[in-house]
Amino acid sequence: MTIATIALGLVGLGFVVFVHELGHFAMARLVGVDVEEFSIGWGPRLVSRRLGKTSYRLSVLPIGGYCRMKGEDSFKKAVDEGLDEFPREPGSYFGAAPLKRILIALGGPMANVILAFVIYAAVAGAGYETRSWENRIVLAGDIDGRSYPADRAGLASGDRIVAIGGEPVSSFSDIQEAIALSARKPMPLTVDRGGRPLSLVVEPELDADSGAGRVGVYPWIEPVVETVSPDGAAALAGLRPGDRILAVNGEAVTHAVAISARLEAERPAKVRVEYDRGGAIAETTVVPAYSEDRGADLGVVWKSTVTEVKAESLGQAVAMGADETASTVSATYRGIASLFMGVNLLQAVSGPARITWMVGTVAKSGLTDGAAGGFSTVFSFLAILSIGLFAMNLLPIPLLDGGSIVLFIVELVRRKAPKVKTVLRYQTIGLVAVAALFLLSTIGDVLFFSGR
């Protein structure tokens, strides 16, 4: 994890957290609760200025921020002094009506949703490119000989999946997304097999490491070279963009997956590659590179399909932003639900270190890719992260916004504030749950960065 990756990750994660705290701040001011301090960042104060009842400050660490409302320390004071009820001063957090406190608790998560919507709408308005492969598949079972849901459903290598659940799909990315969100749920497919339509049903199995569904298919990637790494094996062998690989060591290949599988299985020191360049057939010798995490590497990128997505009007951009926000919220809660389906929590749950690394990696990669496409990737990832923060905070766990909302709803229904001891027990349960989650995610992060 480089310094640049860490810095970019902290800035991205900090921005999303800052927006969350800004939501709490705005809602508190709206309902009449005094905010004593609002800080951008954490740690020692750099500069501060008081405006009205609020001290605004800029702190050293650019990691989010915080919003401290009047009376938020009433809980500690009540516990320390053995009080039965919270002190309820005018203008304080606990002095506000339950409905107002519910709105304040909702303010942070809703700010994250609004941020995601704005990002998605802006990205749709600016336009972006997506890269994927066609909606044609290769069965993983044909490569490794194992049985997968795709085999049992009757799919075959070379099939085109043209619709899932009645919704048309045009790329392998569409297929991946639908499968990932449908673990253990039957998926009706419309398949084109050599011009003949078929109706099949496949039930994705659960990938215990990621919590996503999988059926055992690869994309059918035509073995046409799009780009060549300047210092890679293919470049040294004389291969160029546009070349189509026809055979490896004398055996014909029809898709790129077959090339990778053959190299991985045999791990030859060098291979004879027959290729077509503009109608002329030629042959060369390639010396592949091998690594534990990436497998066989020829130093090429296979040709993919590029689709440009751009809203034609402001109204369409808003509609696309709303659709994407709703889809991401739905996918996030499905992902949370998968944690209770028997997944490997050490793999599936990311802690602060891994999240920072992911944000930084995406930002660094996006900024390297160029202005338009790179920035759309970075901001779209921040939108996903922002919705993740929204979804997690609304879980009914004490210490989180969702847990506070549950407490305030009970108070609203009963028309009576809970005793301090009751709230203390409730918060203790939350503290244990959050601590356990933090410990679990930290162990997972350690295993992740140690390569295990």
Foldseek 3Di string as FASTA:
>chain_A
DDPLLLVLLQLLQQVLLQLLQVQLVVLLVVQQAAWQEKEQADDAFDDWDDDPNYIYTYHDGRHHIHIHTAQPCQLVVCVVVVHFDGDQDPNGLVVDALVSNLSSLLRSLVSLLVLLLVLQLVLQALWAKDWFAFQFKAFLCVLVVDAFQCVVQPDHHGKGFQDKPNHGDTGVVVVQVVQFLQAQHKIWTWIQDPNDTDITITHFHAAQQALGTDGGIDGFFFQFFQQFACPFQCVVFPDGHGKGWQDKQPHGDGGPVNVQSVCQVPVDQKIKTWIADPNDIDITITGWDADDPPGTDRRTDTDTDMDMRHDPDSVRSSVSSVVVSVVLLVSLVSSVVSVVVNHDLLNHAAAPVVSSSVLSVLQVVLVVVDDSHSVSSNSNVSSSVSSNLSVVLLDCAAPGSVVSSVQSVVCVVVVHHGTSVVSVVRNVRRVVVVVVSNVSNVSSVVCVVVVD
